[in-house]
Amino acid sequence: MVGGFHTEYSSFKFAMFYLAEYINMVTVSALATTLFLGGWRAPWPLSLWDGANSGWWPLLWFTAKVVLCIFVFVWLRGTLPRLRYDQFMQFGWKVLLPISLAWILAVAAIRVLNDRSWPAWKSTFVVVVPALLIILAVFTIIDISNTSAAGRAGCRRRSRGQARTGVPDPAAGSADS
């Protein structure tokens, strides 16, 4: 219960869990390299050389990019605090999803304004800046409401003499008196 599979499995089964985890990191790194980092092609300053993308070089570039992505995974995993699943879900639903929807709407508005022969800088300024200001205002309001709601709940618990668990605190006295 404390460590999940850390306490339940040992030896070969434990090794299989970790092997599966690291194979997943390699797979995601290979996909990220292929989709976002140019795959087997040489990085920009080296791609100017004519022989950079021939022979064994593409395999070397791909492997180096995958190793770099794995390094970033391990580095982030070792340095960042561990977040609970509900915190990730809250971040995804309350932050990332609204930002992505706002971005889709902004890009659609810019495309429509460009089709109606507005200059690109003007349509971007008219759409993106107000959208960013609205997103900033909404997140500020959400943060203030979450902070004040948590503060109100804490004040109610303290006024009733209850700890965080909801169990009355005998040292605080009775709520009836």
N, C-alpha and C. Protein backbone atom coordinates (compact mmCIF):
# COMPACT_ATOMS: atom_id res chain seq x y z
N MET A 1 0.82 -1.18 0.00
CA MET A 1 0.00 0.00 0.00
C MET A 1 0.87 1.25 0.00
N VAL A 2 2.01 1.17 0.62
CA VAL A 2 2.88 2.34 0.70
C VAL A 2 3.55 2.60 -0.63
N GLY A 3 4.15 1.57 -1.22
CA GLY A 3 4.91 1.77 -2.44
C GLY A 3 4.33 1.08 -3.64
N GLY A 4 3.12 0.54 -3.55
CA GLY A 4 2.53 -0.13 -4.70
C GLY A 4 3.32 -1.36 -5.08
N PHE A 5 3.77 -1.43 -6.31
CA PHE A 5 4.48 -2.61 -6.78
C PHE A 5 5.86 -2.73 -6.15
N HIS A 6 6.36 -1.66 -5.48
CA HIS A 6 7.65 -1.74 -4.82
C HIS A 6 7.63 -2.77 -3.69
N THR A 7 6.50 -2.87 -3.00
CA THR A 7 6.41 -3.82 -1.88
C THR A 7 5.83 -5.15 -2.31
N GLU A 8 5.08 -5.18 -3.39
CA GLU A 8 4.42 -6.41 -3.80
C GLU A 8 5.33 -7.34 -4.61
N TYR A 9 6.22 -6.76 -5.40
CA TYR A 9 7.03 -7.57 -6.29
C TYR A 9 8.50 -7.43 -5.93
N SER A 10 9.24 -8.46 -6.23
CA SER A 10 10.69 -8.40 -6.07
C SER A 10 11.30 -9.19 -7.21
N SER A 11 12.59 -9.09 -7.35
CA SER A 11 13.36 -9.88 -8.29
C SER A 11 12.90 -9.66 -9.72
N PHE A 12 12.52 -10.73 -10.40
CA PHE A 12 12.25 -10.67 -11.83
C PHE A 12 11.02 -9.81 -12.15
N LYS A 13 9.95 -9.94 -11.36
CA LYS A 13 8.74 -9.16 -11.63
C LYS A 13 9.01 -7.66 -11.44
N PHE A 14 9.77 -7.32 -10.41
CA PHE A 14 10.13 -5.93 -10.17
C PHE A 14 10.98 -5.40 -11.34
N ALA A 15 11.91 -6.21 -11.81
CA ALA A 15 12.75 -5.82 -12.94
C ALA A 15 11.91 -5.63 -14.20
N MET A 16 10.88 -6.44 -14.38
CA MET A 16 10.02 -6.30 -15.56
C MET A 16 9.24 -4.97 -15.52
N PHE A 17 8.78 -4.56 -14.32
CA PHE A 17 8.10 -3.27 -14.21
C PHE A 17 9.02 -2.14 -14.63
N TYR A 18 10.23 -2.15 -14.11
CA TYR A 18 11.15 -1.07 -14.45
C TYR A 18 11.60 -1.15 -15.90
N LEU A 19 11.80 -2.34 -16.42
CA LEU A 19 12.16 -2.49 -17.82
C LEU A 19 11.05 -1.95 -18.72
N ALA A 20 9.80 -2.25 -18.38
CA ALA A 20 8.67 -1.73 -19.17
C ALA A 20 8.64 -0.21 -19.10
N GLU A 21 8.94 0.35 -17.93
CA GLU A 21 8.94 1.81 -17.79
C GLU A 21 10.02 2.45 -18.66
N TYR A 22 11.19 1.88 -18.66
CA TYR A 22 12.28 2.45 -19.47
C TYR A 22 12.09 2.19 -20.96
N ILE A 23 11.48 1.07 -21.32
CA ILE A 23 11.16 0.84 -22.73
C ILE A 23 10.14 1.87 -23.20
N ASN A 24 9.20 2.22 -22.34
CA ASN A 24 8.24 3.26 -22.67
C ASN A 24 8.95 4.59 -22.89
N MET A 25 9.94 4.91 -22.06
CA MET A 25 10.69 6.16 -22.25
C MET A 25 11.43 6.15 -23.57
N VAL A 26 12.01 5.03 -23.95
CA VAL A 26 12.72 4.94 -25.23
C VAL A 26 11.73 5.09 -26.38
N THR A 27 10.58 4.46 -26.27
CA THR A 27 9.57 4.55 -27.34
C THR A 27 9.07 5.98 -27.50
N VAL A 28 8.76 6.63 -26.40
CA VAL A 28 8.27 8.01 -26.48
C VAL A 28 9.38 8.93 -27.01
N SER A 29 10.62 8.68 -26.61
CA SER A 29 11.73 9.48 -27.11
C SER A 29 11.91 9.29 -28.62
N ALA A 30 11.77 8.06 -29.09
CA ALA A 30 11.90 7.81 -30.53
C ALA A 30 10.76 8.48 -31.30
N LEU A 31 9.55 8.43 -30.76
CA LEU A 31 8.43 9.11 -31.41
C LEU A 31 8.62 10.62 -31.41
N ALA A 32 9.06 11.18 -30.28
CA ALA A 32 9.29 12.61 -30.22
C ALA A 32 10.39 13.03 -31.18
N THR A 33 11.42 12.21 -31.30
CA THR A 33 12.50 12.51 -32.24
C THR A 33 11.98 12.50 -33.67
N THR A 34 11.17 11.50 -34.00
CA THR A 34 10.64 11.40 -35.35
C THR A 34 9.68 12.53 -35.67
N LEU A 35 8.79 12.86 -34.73
CA LEU A 35 7.75 13.84 -35.01
C LEU A 35 8.21 15.29 -34.86
N PHE A 36 9.07 15.56 -33.86
CA PHE A 36 9.36 16.94 -33.52
C PHE A 36 10.81 17.37 -33.72
N LEU A 37 11.73 16.44 -33.76
CA LEU A 37 13.14 16.81 -33.81
C LEU A 37 13.82 16.49 -35.15
N GLY A 38 13.04 16.24 -36.16
CA GLY A 38 13.62 16.03 -37.49
C GLY A 38 14.04 14.59 -37.77
N GLY A 39 13.76 13.67 -36.88
CA GLY A 39 14.04 12.26 -37.12
C GLY A 39 15.51 11.98 -37.35
N TRP A 40 15.83 11.37 -38.47
CA TRP A 40 17.19 10.92 -38.77
C TRP A 40 18.03 11.99 -39.46
N ARG A 41 17.50 13.16 -39.65
CA ARG A 41 18.26 14.20 -40.32
C ARG A 41 19.19 14.92 -39.36
N ALA A 42 20.26 15.45 -39.89
CA ALA A 42 21.25 16.13 -39.07
C ALA A 42 20.68 17.43 -38.51
N PRO A 43 21.14 17.84 -37.33
CA PRO A 43 20.72 19.14 -36.79
C PRO A 43 21.16 20.28 -37.71
N TRP A 44 20.57 21.45 -37.53
CA TRP A 44 20.71 22.54 -38.49
C TRP A 44 22.15 22.92 -38.85
N PRO A 45 23.02 23.24 -37.93
CA PRO A 45 24.32 23.69 -38.45
C PRO A 45 25.06 22.59 -39.17
N LEU A 46 24.84 21.34 -38.76
CA LEU A 46 25.54 20.23 -39.41
C LEU A 46 24.88 19.81 -40.72
N SER A 47 23.61 20.15 -40.90
CA SER A 47 22.93 19.76 -42.13
C SER A 47 23.41 20.55 -43.35
N LEU A 48 24.16 21.61 -43.12
CA LEU A 48 24.72 22.37 -44.24
C LEU A 48 25.81 21.59 -44.96
N TRP A 49 26.43 20.66 -44.26
CA TRP A 49 27.45 19.79 -44.85
C TRP A 49 26.75 18.78 -45.75
N ASP A 50 27.26 18.56 -46.95
CA ASP A 50 26.59 17.71 -47.94
C ASP A 50 26.49 16.25 -47.51
N GLY A 51 27.48 15.72 -46.81
CA GLY A 51 27.47 14.30 -46.44
C GLY A 51 26.84 14.02 -45.09
N ALA A 52 26.17 14.98 -44.49
CA ALA A 52 25.63 14.80 -43.13
C ALA A 52 24.45 13.85 -43.09
N ASN A 53 23.75 13.67 -44.19
CA ASN A 53 22.57 12.81 -44.21
C ASN A 53 22.75 11.61 -45.13
N SER A 54 23.96 11.08 -45.19
CA SER A 54 24.20 9.90 -46.02
C SER A 54 25.04 8.90 -45.24
N GLY A 55 24.97 7.67 -45.64
CA GLY A 55 25.74 6.62 -44.97
C GLY A 55 25.16 6.29 -43.59
N TRP A 56 26.06 6.15 -42.61
CA TRP A 56 25.66 5.82 -41.25
C TRP A 56 25.26 7.05 -40.43
N TRP A 57 25.46 8.24 -40.95
CA TRP A 57 25.17 9.45 -40.20
C TRP A 57 23.72 9.58 -39.75
N PRO A 58 22.72 9.26 -40.59
CA PRO A 58 21.33 9.37 -40.11
C PRO A 58 21.05 8.52 -38.87
N LEU A 59 21.62 7.31 -38.81
CA LEU A 59 21.45 6.46 -37.63
C LEU A 59 22.08 7.12 -36.40
N LEU A 60 23.24 7.73 -36.60
CA LEU A 60 23.90 8.43 -35.50
C LEU A 60 23.07 9.62 -35.02
N TRP A 61 22.51 10.40 -35.94
CA TRP A 61 21.70 11.55 -35.55
C TRP A 61 20.45 11.12 -34.79
N PHE A 62 19.80 10.09 -35.32
CA PHE A 62 18.58 9.60 -34.66
C PHE A 62 18.89 9.08 -33.25
N THR A 63 19.95 8.30 -33.13
CA THR A 63 20.33 7.75 -31.82
C THR A 63 20.70 8.87 -30.85
N ALA A 64 21.44 9.85 -31.31
CA ALA A 64 21.84 10.96 -30.44
C ALA A 64 20.61 11.75 -29.97
N LYS A 65 19.64 11.97 -30.85
CA LYS A 65 18.43 12.69 -30.46
C LYS A 65 17.60 11.88 -29.47
N VAL A 66 17.51 10.57 -29.66
CA VAL A 66 16.77 9.72 -28.73
C VAL A 66 17.45 9.72 -27.36
N VAL A 67 18.78 9.61 -27.34
CA VAL A 67 19.51 9.64 -26.07
C VAL A 67 19.33 10.98 -25.38
N LEU A 68 19.31 12.07 -26.14
CA LEU A 68 19.07 13.38 -25.56
C LEU A 68 17.68 13.47 -24.93
N CYS A 69 16.67 12.93 -25.60
CA CYS A 69 15.31 12.93 -25.04
C CYS A 69 15.25 12.07 -23.77
N ILE A 70 15.90 10.91 -23.77
CA ILE A 70 15.92 10.06 -22.57
C ILE A 70 16.61 10.79 -21.43
N PHE A 71 17.69 11.49 -21.74
CA PHE A 71 18.38 12.28 -20.71
C PHE A 71 17.44 13.31 -20.10
N VAL A 72 16.65 13.98 -20.94
CA VAL A 72 15.71 14.98 -20.43
C VAL A 72 14.65 14.32 -19.55
N PHE A 73 14.14 13.13 -19.98
CA PHE A 73 13.18 12.39 -19.16
C PHE A 73 13.76 12.07 -17.78
N VAL A 74 14.95 11.50 -17.75
CA VAL A 74 15.56 11.11 -16.49
C VAL A 74 15.86 12.33 -15.64
N TRP A 75 16.31 13.38 -16.26
CA TRP A 75 16.64 14.61 -15.55
C TRP A 75 15.38 15.21 -14.90
N LEU A 76 14.30 15.32 -15.68
CA LEU A 76 13.06 15.86 -15.13
C LEU A 76 12.50 14.95 -14.04
N ARG A 77 12.59 13.66 -14.24
CA ARG A 77 12.06 12.71 -13.26
C ARG A 77 12.82 12.80 -11.94
N GLY A 78 14.10 13.09 -12.02
CA GLY A 78 14.90 13.16 -10.81
C GLY A 78 14.84 14.50 -10.09
N THR A 79 14.48 15.57 -10.81
CA THR A 79 14.54 16.88 -10.18
C THR A 79 13.20 17.47 -9.82
N LEU A 80 12.15 17.12 -10.55
CA LEU A 80 10.84 17.72 -10.28
C LEU A 80 10.12 16.96 -9.17
N PRO A 81 9.28 17.65 -8.41
CA PRO A 81 8.51 16.96 -7.38
C PRO A 81 7.47 16.04 -8.01
N ARG A 82 7.14 15.03 -7.30
CA ARG A 82 6.14 14.09 -7.81
C ARG A 82 4.75 14.65 -7.53
N LEU A 83 3.93 14.66 -8.55
CA LEU A 83 2.58 15.19 -8.43
C LEU A 83 1.59 14.03 -8.41
N ARG A 84 0.51 14.23 -7.69
CA ARG A 84 -0.53 13.21 -7.66
C ARG A 84 -1.30 13.22 -8.97
N TYR A 85 -2.00 12.11 -9.23
CA TYR A 85 -2.75 11.98 -10.46
C TYR A 85 -3.86 13.03 -10.54
N ASP A 86 -4.52 13.32 -9.40
CA ASP A 86 -5.59 14.31 -9.43
C ASP A 86 -5.04 15.70 -9.75
N GLN A 87 -3.78 15.99 -9.36
CA GLN A 87 -3.19 17.28 -9.70
C GLN A 87 -2.92 17.36 -11.20
N PHE A 88 -2.45 16.26 -11.79
CA PHE A 88 -2.26 16.24 -13.24
C PHE A 88 -3.58 16.42 -13.98
N MET A 89 -4.63 15.75 -13.50
CA MET A 89 -5.93 15.87 -14.16
C MET A 89 -6.48 17.29 -14.02
N GLN A 90 -6.32 17.89 -12.85
CA GLN A 90 -6.77 19.27 -12.66
C GLN A 90 -6.00 20.21 -13.58
N PHE A 91 -4.70 20.01 -13.71
CA PHE A 91 -3.89 20.83 -14.61
C PHE A 91 -4.34 20.66 -16.05
N GLY A 92 -4.61 19.42 -16.45
CA GLY A 92 -5.05 19.16 -17.83
C GLY A 92 -6.40 19.76 -18.14
N TRP A 93 -7.37 19.55 -17.25
CA TRP A 93 -8.73 20.00 -17.51
C TRP A 93 -8.90 21.49 -17.31
N LYS A 94 -8.24 22.05 -16.29
CA LYS A 94 -8.48 23.45 -15.95
C LYS A 94 -7.49 24.42 -16.56
N VAL A 95 -6.36 23.93 -17.05
CA VAL A 95 -5.36 24.83 -17.62
C VAL A 95 -5.10 24.51 -19.09
N LEU A 96 -4.67 23.29 -19.37
CA LEU A 96 -4.26 22.96 -20.74
C LEU A 96 -5.42 22.94 -21.72
N LEU A 97 -6.55 22.37 -21.33
CA LEU A 97 -7.70 22.30 -22.25
C LEU A 97 -8.24 23.69 -22.59
N PRO A 98 -8.47 24.59 -21.61
CA PRO A 98 -8.92 25.94 -22.00
C PRO A 98 -7.90 26.69 -22.86
N ILE A 99 -6.62 26.53 -22.56
CA ILE A 99 -5.60 27.20 -23.38
C ILE A 99 -5.64 26.67 -24.81
N SER A 100 -5.75 25.35 -24.97
CA SER A 100 -5.77 24.79 -26.33
C SER A 100 -7.03 25.19 -27.08
N LEU A 101 -8.18 25.24 -26.39
CA LEU A 101 -9.40 25.68 -27.07
C LEU A 101 -9.31 27.16 -27.46
N ALA A 102 -8.76 27.97 -26.56
CA ALA A 102 -8.58 29.39 -26.89
C ALA A 102 -7.61 29.55 -28.06
N TRP A 103 -6.57 28.75 -28.09
CA TRP A 103 -5.61 28.84 -29.18
C TRP A 103 -6.24 28.43 -30.51
N ILE A 104 -7.07 27.39 -30.50
CA ILE A 104 -7.76 26.97 -31.73
C ILE A 104 -8.67 28.07 -32.23
N LEU A 105 -9.40 28.70 -31.31
CA LEU A 105 -10.28 29.80 -31.70
C LEU A 105 -9.49 30.99 -32.23
N ALA A 106 -8.36 31.30 -31.60
CA ALA A 106 -7.53 32.42 -32.06
C ALA A 106 -6.96 32.15 -33.45
N VAL A 107 -6.48 30.94 -33.69
CA VAL A 107 -5.94 30.60 -35.01
C VAL A 107 -7.03 30.66 -36.07
N ALA A 108 -8.23 30.16 -35.73
CA ALA A 108 -9.34 30.21 -36.68
C ALA A 108 -9.71 31.66 -36.99
N ALA A 109 -9.75 32.51 -35.96
CA ALA A 109 -10.09 33.93 -36.19
C ALA A 109 -9.03 34.61 -37.04
N ILE A 110 -7.77 34.31 -36.78
CA ILE A 110 -6.69 34.90 -37.59
C ILE A 110 -6.80 34.46 -39.05
N ARG A 111 -7.12 33.17 -39.26
CA ARG A 111 -7.25 32.68 -40.64
C ARG A 111 -8.43 33.37 -41.35
N VAL A 112 -9.54 33.54 -40.64
CA VAL A 112 -10.69 34.21 -41.25
C VAL A 112 -10.35 35.66 -41.58
N LEU A 113 -9.68 36.35 -40.64
CA LEU A 113 -9.32 37.74 -40.90
C LEU A 113 -8.30 37.85 -42.03
N ASN A 114 -7.39 36.91 -42.13
CA ASN A 114 -6.43 36.92 -43.25
C ASN A 114 -7.13 36.66 -44.58
N ASP A 115 -8.14 35.79 -44.58
CA ASP A 115 -8.90 35.53 -45.80
C ASP A 115 -9.71 36.76 -46.24
N ARG A 116 -10.03 37.62 -45.29
CA ARG A 116 -10.76 38.84 -45.61
C ARG A 116 -9.81 40.00 -45.84
N SER A 117 -8.59 39.67 -46.16
CA SER A 117 -7.52 40.60 -46.58
C SER A 117 -7.10 41.59 -45.50
N TRP A 118 -7.15 41.17 -44.24
CA TRP A 118 -6.52 41.96 -43.18
C TRP A 118 -5.04 41.64 -43.20
N PRO A 119 -4.19 42.58 -42.86
CA PRO A 119 -2.77 42.25 -42.75
C PRO A 119 -2.54 41.28 -41.58
N ALA A 120 -1.53 40.45 -41.72
CA ALA A 120 -1.29 39.42 -40.70
C ALA A 120 -0.99 40.02 -39.34
N TRP A 121 -0.20 41.10 -39.29
CA TRP A 121 0.14 41.69 -37.99
C TRP A 121 -1.09 42.28 -37.32
N LYS A 122 -1.99 42.84 -38.13
CA LYS A 122 -3.18 43.48 -37.57
C LYS A 122 -4.16 42.44 -37.02
N SER A 123 -4.37 41.36 -37.78
CA SER A 123 -5.29 40.32 -37.32
C SER A 123 -4.73 39.61 -36.09
N THR A 124 -3.41 39.41 -36.05
CA THR A 124 -2.80 38.78 -34.89
C THR A 124 -2.95 39.67 -33.67
N PHE A 125 -2.72 40.95 -33.84
CA PHE A 125 -2.83 41.89 -32.72
C PHE A 125 -4.26 41.99 -32.24
N VAL A 126 -5.23 42.00 -33.16
CA VAL A 126 -6.64 42.16 -32.80
C VAL A 126 -7.17 40.91 -32.11
N VAL A 127 -6.67 39.73 -32.47
CA VAL A 127 -7.22 38.49 -31.92
C VAL A 127 -6.40 37.96 -30.75
N VAL A 128 -5.10 37.84 -30.91
CA VAL A 128 -4.28 37.14 -29.93
C VAL A 128 -4.11 37.93 -28.64
N VAL A 129 -3.86 39.21 -28.72
CA VAL A 129 -3.63 40.01 -27.51
C VAL A 129 -4.87 40.02 -26.61
N PRO A 130 -6.08 40.31 -27.13
CA PRO A 130 -7.24 40.22 -26.24
C PRO A 130 -7.49 38.81 -25.71
N ALA A 131 -7.24 37.79 -26.54
CA ALA A 131 -7.43 36.41 -26.07
C ALA A 131 -6.47 36.10 -24.92
N LEU A 132 -5.22 36.53 -25.04
CA LEU A 132 -4.27 36.29 -23.96
C LEU A 132 -4.66 37.04 -22.69
N LEU A 133 -5.15 38.25 -22.84
CA LEU A 133 -5.59 39.01 -21.67
C LEU A 133 -6.80 38.36 -21.00
N ILE A 134 -7.72 37.86 -21.79
CA ILE A 134 -8.89 37.17 -21.23
C ILE A 134 -8.47 35.91 -20.51
N ILE A 135 -7.56 35.12 -21.11
CA ILE A 135 -7.09 33.89 -20.46
C ILE A 135 -6.39 34.23 -19.15
N LEU A 136 -5.57 35.25 -19.15
CA LEU A 136 -4.88 35.66 -17.93
C LEU A 136 -5.88 36.08 -16.86
N ALA A 137 -6.90 36.83 -17.24
CA ALA A 137 -7.91 37.27 -16.27
C ALA A 137 -8.69 36.08 -15.71
N VAL A 138 -9.06 35.14 -16.57
CA VAL A 138 -9.81 33.96 -16.11
C VAL A 138 -8.98 33.14 -15.13
N PHE A 139 -7.70 32.91 -15.46
CA PHE A 139 -6.86 32.13 -14.55
C PHE A 139 -6.62 32.86 -13.23
N THR A 140 -6.54 34.17 -13.27
CA THR A 140 -6.39 34.94 -12.04
C THR A 140 -7.65 34.81 -11.18
N ILE A 141 -8.82 34.90 -11.80
CA ILE A 141 -10.07 34.76 -11.06
C ILE A 141 -10.20 33.35 -10.49
N ILE A 142 -9.85 32.33 -11.28
CA ILE A 142 -9.92 30.95 -10.80
C ILE A 142 -8.97 30.75 -9.63
N ASP A 143 -7.75 31.28 -9.72
CA ASP A 143 -6.79 31.13 -8.65
C ASP A 143 -7.26 31.84 -7.38
N ILE A 144 -7.81 33.03 -7.53
CA ILE A 144 -8.31 33.77 -6.36
C ILE A 144 -9.48 33.03 -5.73
N SER A 145 -10.39 32.50 -6.55
CA SER A 145 -11.54 31.80 -5.98
C SER A 145 -11.11 30.50 -5.30
N ASN A 146 -10.14 29.77 -5.88
CA ASN A 146 -9.66 28.55 -5.24
C ASN A 146 -8.96 28.86 -3.94
N THR A 147 -8.15 29.91 -3.92
CA THR A 147 -7.43 30.28 -2.71
C THR A 147 -8.40 30.72 -1.63
N SER A 148 -9.39 31.55 -1.98
CA SER A 148 -10.32 32.03 -0.97
C SER A 148 -11.23 30.91 -0.48
N ALA A 149 -11.61 29.96 -1.36
CA ALA A 149 -12.44 28.84 -0.93
C ALA A 149 -11.68 27.96 0.05
N ALA A 150 -10.40 27.72 -0.23
CA ALA A 150 -9.59 26.91 0.69
C ALA A 150 -9.41 27.65 2.02
N GLY A 151 -9.24 28.96 1.96
CA GLY A 151 -9.11 29.74 3.19
C GLY A 151 -10.38 29.74 4.00
N ARG A 152 -11.54 29.85 3.32
CA ARG A 152 -12.81 29.82 4.04
C ARG A 152 -13.03 28.47 4.70
N ALA A 153 -12.68 27.38 4.00
CA ALA A 153 -12.85 26.05 4.58
C ALA A 153 -11.96 25.87 5.79
N GLY A 154 -10.73 26.38 5.73
CA GLY A 154 -9.82 26.29 6.86
C GLY A 154 -10.32 27.10 8.04
N CYS A 155 -10.89 28.28 7.77
CA CYS A 155 -11.44 29.12 8.86
C CYS A 155 -12.63 28.43 9.50
N ARG A 156 -13.48 27.80 8.70
CA ARG A 156 -14.63 27.10 9.27
C ARG A 156 -14.18 25.95 10.16
N ARG A 157 -13.16 25.20 9.70
CA ARG A 157 -12.66 24.08 10.52
C ARG A 157 -12.09 24.59 11.83
N ARG A 158 -11.32 25.68 11.76
CA ARG A 158 -10.71 26.22 12.98
C ARG A 158 -11.77 26.77 13.92
N SER A 159 -12.81 27.38 13.37
CA SER A 159 -13.84 27.95 14.24
C SER A 159 -14.65 26.86 14.92
N ARG A 160 -14.78 25.70 14.29
CA ARG A 160 -15.49 24.59 14.90
C ARG A 160 -14.58 23.74 15.77
N GLY A 161 -13.27 24.05 15.76
CA GLY A 161 -12.35 23.26 16.57
C GLY A 161 -12.02 21.92 15.95
N GLN A 162 -12.06 21.82 14.64
CA GLN A 162 -11.77 20.57 13.98
C GLN A 162 -10.43 20.66 13.27
N ALA A 163 -9.77 19.53 13.23
CA ALA A 163 -8.51 19.44 12.48
C ALA A 163 -8.84 19.23 11.01
N ARG A 164 -7.83 19.04 10.18
CA ARG A 164 -8.04 18.82 8.75
C ARG A 164 -8.84 17.56 8.48
N THR A 165 -8.79 16.59 9.37
CA THR A 165 -9.48 15.32 9.14
C THR A 165 -10.96 15.41 9.42
N GLY A 166 -11.42 16.51 10.05
CA GLY A 166 -12.82 16.63 10.37
C GLY A 166 -13.14 16.11 11.76
N VAL A 167 -12.14 15.59 12.48
CA VAL A 167 -12.34 15.07 13.83
C VAL A 167 -12.23 16.25 14.79
N PRO A 168 -13.18 16.41 15.71
CA PRO A 168 -13.11 17.53 16.66
C PRO A 168 -11.82 17.48 17.48
N ASP A 169 -11.24 18.64 17.69
CA ASP A 169 -10.02 18.76 18.47
C ASP A 169 -10.39 18.95 19.92
N PRO A 170 -10.02 18.00 20.81
CA PRO A 170 -10.42 18.12 22.23
C PRO A 170 -9.77 19.31 22.91
N ALA A 171 -8.61 19.75 22.43
CA ALA A 171 -7.93 20.88 23.06
C ALA A 171 -8.61 22.20 22.73
N ALA A 172 -9.38 22.25 21.64
CA ALA A 172 -10.03 23.49 21.22
C ALA A 172 -11.33 23.74 21.98
N GLY A 173 -11.82 22.75 22.69
CA GLY A 173 -13.06 22.92 23.43
C GLY A 173 -14.23 22.50 22.57
N SER A 174 -15.38 22.55 23.16
CA SER A 174 -16.56 22.11 22.46
C SER A 174 -17.12 23.24 21.60
N ALA A 175 -17.73 22.86 20.48
CA ALA A 175 -18.32 23.85 19.57
C ALA A 175 -19.64 24.37 20.13
N ASP A 176 -20.24 23.63 21.08
CA ASP A 176 -21.53 24.02 21.63
C ASP A 176 -21.42 25.11 22.67
N SER A 177 -20.25 25.25 23.30
CA SER A 177 -20.11 26.21 24.39
C SER A 177 -19.86 27.61 23.92
